[in-house]
Amino acid sequence: MKMTLISTIILSILFFCFGQIVSASEDDKNRWNNRYNTGEYLYGKEPLKFLKEKLDILVRGKALVLAMGEGRNAVFLAGNGFDVDGCDISEKAIEKTRRFARESGVTLNAFVADLEEYKIPVNKYDLITCFYYTQRSLIPQIKDGLKKGGMVMLETYSIDQLKYGKDVPGPKNPAYLLKHNELLDLFRDFRILYYREGEIAENKSVVSLIAQKR
């Protein structure tokens, strides 16, 4: 009787926690679908400046673009000789990416994925990018997903973003902001090709990294 009660309590806790996770994922998906449900491209069609500036040092081949949004960076890579896979939690973002790719005359594989659940294939990619999305649990998967000599390219907000106050873009929860030198520590087993930390525009403090798997 006692063990049955304990088992029931444990199962109830597990179901509650799982329900909370599913609910959070659905909330994220709905929120981004609502944001992307417009004829305009929220972030424009030009690729991220960091990606455009550092294109020449990247290893060509198979690329994975994580949390790609409406596809501006994925389409740019596809147009510059990469075989691109790109994912996002939002179906609307995927629709717009596919449309943008057709209009640009490039091909890529765009698919819906919740990065809290998605597993990056092992030893498949020459390049993995992730811009303005912070999920530290992805780091081991990114490392495993790269081939030897493959590169990771990351850029997102740093903890210094908080100093600008609540009325500027960017996360307000410190859990979604990178600490000083955090990426250098996380990729200490990689060869660091480029690292930048600081203000790149008014009210915008970021961390940028390119690292190569040994």
Protein backbone atom coordinates (compact mmCIF):
# COMPACT_ATOMS: atom_id res chain seq x y z
CA MET A 1 0.00 0.00 0.00
CA LYS A 2 2.81 2.37 0.97
CA MET A 3 4.79 1.60 -2.23
CA THR A 4 1.66 2.07 -4.33
CA LEU A 5 1.11 5.50 -2.80
CA ILE A 6 4.75 6.48 -3.40
CA SER A 7 4.56 5.26 -7.00
CA THR A 8 1.38 7.25 -7.57
CA ILE A 9 2.99 10.40 -6.19
CA ILE A 10 6.10 9.95 -8.36
CA LEU A 11 4.01 9.39 -11.49
CA SER A 12 1.90 12.45 -10.70
CA ILE A 13 5.04 14.58 -10.37
CA LEU A 14 6.44 13.24 -13.65
CA PHE A 15 3.19 13.89 -15.52
CA PHE A 16 3.02 17.41 -14.07
CA CYS A 17 6.61 18.21 -15.08
CA PHE A 18 6.14 16.76 -18.56
CA GLY A 19 2.94 18.76 -18.96
CA GLN A 20 4.76 21.93 -17.96
CA ILE A 21 7.51 21.29 -20.55
CA VAL A 22 5.02 20.56 -23.33
CA SER A 23 3.02 23.65 -22.40
CA ALA A 24 6.14 25.84 -22.49
CA SER A 25 7.09 24.49 -25.92
CA GLU A 26 3.59 25.06 -27.25
CA ASP A 27 3.60 28.58 -25.83
CA ASP A 28 6.90 29.29 -27.60
CA LYS A 29 5.60 27.89 -30.86
CA ASN A 30 2.38 29.89 -30.69
CA ARG A 31 4.20 33.07 -29.72
CA TRP A 32 6.61 32.84 -32.66
CA ASN A 33 3.88 31.78 -35.09
CA ASN A 34 1.97 34.91 -34.13
CA ARG A 35 5.04 37.09 -34.57
CA TYR A 36 5.91 35.64 -37.96
CA ASN A 37 2.32 35.68 -39.22
CA THR A 38 2.84 38.77 -41.35
CA GLY A 39 3.72 39.49 -44.95
CA GLU A 40 6.84 41.36 -43.84
CA TYR A 41 10.13 39.83 -42.78
CA LEU A 42 10.59 40.88 -39.16
CA TYR A 43 14.38 40.97 -39.35
CA GLY A 44 14.65 41.76 -43.05
CA LYS A 45 16.23 39.60 -45.74
CA GLU A 46 19.84 40.63 -45.31
CA PRO A 47 22.01 38.10 -43.44
CA LEU A 48 23.49 38.82 -40.06
CA LYS A 49 26.42 41.22 -40.43
CA PHE A 50 28.72 38.86 -38.51
CA LEU A 51 27.95 36.00 -40.92
CA LYS A 52 28.44 38.16 -43.99
CA GLU A 53 31.75 39.56 -42.75
CA LYS A 54 33.22 36.18 -41.78
CA LEU A 55 31.89 34.08 -44.66
CA ASP A 56 35.31 33.61 -46.25
CA ILE A 57 36.83 31.80 -43.27
CA LEU A 58 34.03 29.25 -42.96
CA VAL A 59 34.47 25.65 -44.10
CA ARG A 60 32.18 24.96 -47.06
CA GLY A 61 30.00 21.86 -47.04
CA LYS A 62 26.97 20.72 -45.07
CA ALA A 63 25.56 23.41 -42.77
CA LEU A 64 22.94 23.38 -40.02
CA VAL A 65 21.25 26.67 -39.10
CA LEU A 66 19.60 26.38 -35.68
CA ALA A 67 16.66 28.62 -34.70
CA MET A 68 16.84 30.14 -38.17
CA GLY A 69 13.70 32.29 -38.02
CA GLU A 70 12.53 33.44 -41.45
CA GLY A 71 15.64 32.11 -43.15
CA ARG A 72 17.78 35.13 -43.98
CA ASN A 73 21.01 33.42 -42.85
CA ALA A 74 20.08 30.00 -44.23
CA VAL A 75 19.26 31.44 -47.66
CA PHE A 76 22.52 33.43 -47.63
CA LEU A 77 24.55 30.30 -46.90
CA ALA A 78 22.69 28.31 -49.56
CA GLY A 79 23.46 31.06 -52.06
CA ASN A 80 27.14 30.81 -51.19
CA GLY A 81 27.69 27.14 -51.84
CA PHE A 82 26.53 25.48 -48.64
CA ASP A 83 24.20 22.47 -48.49
CA VAL A 84 21.85 23.83 -45.84
CA ASP A 85 19.57 22.26 -43.26
CA GLY A 86 17.68 24.83 -41.21
CA CYS A 87 15.18 24.48 -38.39
CA ASP A 88 12.87 26.58 -36.26
CA ILE A 89 10.06 25.92 -33.79
CA SER A 90 7.64 28.05 -35.85
CA GLU A 91 5.74 26.62 -38.82
CA LYS A 92 5.19 30.18 -40.07
CA ALA A 93 8.95 30.78 -40.05
CA ILE A 94 9.51 27.61 -42.08
CA GLU A 95 6.86 28.65 -44.62
CA LYS A 96 8.50 32.05 -45.05
CA THR A 97 11.97 30.51 -45.32
CA ARG A 98 10.84 28.17 -48.09
CA ARG A 99 9.20 31.06 -49.94
CA PHE A 100 12.30 33.23 -49.55
CA ALA A 101 14.50 30.38 -50.83
CA ARG A 102 12.31 29.94 -53.92
CA GLU A 103 12.36 33.67 -54.61
CA SER A 104 16.15 33.68 -54.23
CA GLY A 105 16.64 30.69 -56.53
CA VAL A 106 18.30 28.48 -53.92
CA THR A 107 17.47 25.12 -52.40
CA LEU A 108 17.65 24.17 -48.75
CA ASN A 109 16.03 21.77 -46.31
CA ALA A 110 13.83 23.73 -43.89
CA PHE A 111 12.04 21.84 -41.14
CA VAL A 112 10.17 22.42 -37.89
CA ALA A 113 12.03 21.43 -34.74
CA ASP A 114 11.73 22.17 -31.05
CA LEU A 115 15.36 22.48 -29.97
CA GLU A 116 14.47 21.37 -26.45
CA GLU A 117 13.73 17.96 -27.98
CA TYR A 118 15.56 17.83 -31.33
CA LYS A 119 18.73 15.72 -31.51
CA ILE A 120 21.44 16.97 -33.86
CA PRO A 121 22.77 14.10 -36.01
CA VAL A 122 26.28 13.05 -35.01
CA ASN A 123 29.30 13.80 -37.23
CA LYS A 124 27.20 15.24 -40.06
CA TYR A 125 27.97 18.94 -40.44
CA ASP A 126 30.86 21.10 -41.61
CA LEU A 127 29.22 24.19 -40.12
CA ILE A 128 26.63 24.75 -37.40
CA THR A 129 25.32 28.25 -36.69
CA CYS A 130 23.13 29.56 -33.90
CA PHE A 131 22.31 33.25 -33.66
CA TYR A 132 20.40 35.03 -30.88
CA TYR A 133 19.11 31.84 -29.30
CA THR A 134 20.69 30.65 -26.05
CA GLN A 135 20.29 27.04 -24.96
CA ARG A 136 23.38 25.77 -23.21
CA SER A 137 22.25 22.14 -23.37
CA LEU A 138 22.76 22.31 -27.15
CA ILE A 139 26.53 22.81 -26.86
CA PRO A 140 27.46 19.10 -26.47
CA GLN A 141 25.17 18.24 -29.38
CA ILE A 142 26.70 20.95 -31.55
CA LYS A 143 30.15 19.56 -30.82
CA ASP A 144 29.08 16.01 -31.63
CA GLY A 145 27.21 17.12 -34.75
CA LEU A 146 30.32 18.62 -36.33
CA LYS A 147 32.77 16.62 -38.41
CA LYS A 148 36.45 16.87 -37.53
CA GLY A 149 37.58 20.28 -38.80
CA GLY A 150 34.00 21.54 -38.83
CA MET A 151 33.14 24.96 -37.45
CA VAL A 152 30.60 26.43 -35.07
CA MET A 153 29.51 30.05 -35.42
CA LEU A 154 27.56 31.69 -32.59
CA GLU A 155 26.37 35.17 -31.75
CA THR A 156 23.94 36.23 -29.04
CA TYR A 157 23.38 38.76 -26.28
CA SER A 158 25.80 39.02 -23.37
CA ILE A 159 25.04 39.68 -19.72
CA ASP A 160 25.94 43.33 -20.36
CA GLN A 161 22.65 43.72 -22.24
CA LEU A 162 20.91 44.14 -18.88
CA LYS A 163 22.57 47.50 -18.27
CA TYR A 164 20.48 49.13 -21.01
CA GLY A 165 17.23 48.58 -19.13
CA LYS A 166 13.94 46.91 -19.96
CA ASP A 167 12.96 49.10 -22.92
CA VAL A 168 15.57 47.76 -25.36
CA PRO A 169 15.46 44.48 -27.33
CA GLY A 170 16.97 41.34 -25.91
CA PRO A 171 16.26 38.88 -23.08
CA LYS A 172 15.73 40.25 -19.59
CA ASN A 173 16.31 36.91 -17.88
CA PRO A 174 20.04 36.47 -17.09
CA ALA A 175 19.68 32.74 -17.80
CA TYR A 176 19.40 33.59 -21.51
CA LEU A 177 22.44 35.89 -21.54
CA LEU A 178 26.04 34.75 -21.84
CA LYS A 179 28.50 35.57 -19.10
CA HIS A 180 31.91 37.09 -19.81
CA ASN A 181 34.23 34.49 -21.41
CA GLU A 182 31.56 31.78 -21.06
CA LEU A 183 31.82 30.67 -24.68
CA LEU A 184 35.60 30.50 -24.45
CA ASP A 185 35.21 28.11 -21.56
CA LEU A 186 32.49 26.04 -23.24
CA PHE A 187 34.62 25.62 -26.38
CA ARG A 188 38.01 25.31 -24.72
CA ASP A 189 38.47 21.94 -26.48
CA PHE A 190 38.01 23.64 -29.88
CA ARG A 191 40.40 25.89 -31.81
CA ILE A 192 39.14 29.46 -31.36
CA LEU A 193 39.28 31.26 -34.71
CA TYR A 194 37.42 34.41 -33.72
CA TYR A 195 36.04 35.83 -30.49
CA ARG A 196 34.43 39.16 -29.72
CA GLU A 197 32.67 40.46 -26.66
CA GLY A 198 31.22 43.94 -26.37
CA GLU A 199 28.87 46.57 -27.74
CA ILE A 200 28.41 46.29 -31.51
CA ALA A 201 25.69 48.93 -31.80
CA GLU A 202 23.84 51.33 -29.56
CA ASN A 203 22.22 49.40 -26.70
CA LYS A 204 23.41 46.05 -28.06
CA SER A 205 26.08 44.01 -26.27
CA VAL A 206 26.87 40.62 -27.74
CA VAL A 207 29.26 37.69 -27.75
CA SER A 208 30.44 36.33 -31.11
CA LEU A 209 32.47 33.17 -31.69
CA ILE A 210 33.84 31.01 -34.48
CA ALA A 211 35.55 27.81 -33.34
CA GLN A 212 36.83 24.72 -35.12
CA LYS A 213 36.60 21.12 -33.99
CA ARG A 214 40.03 19.56 -33.59
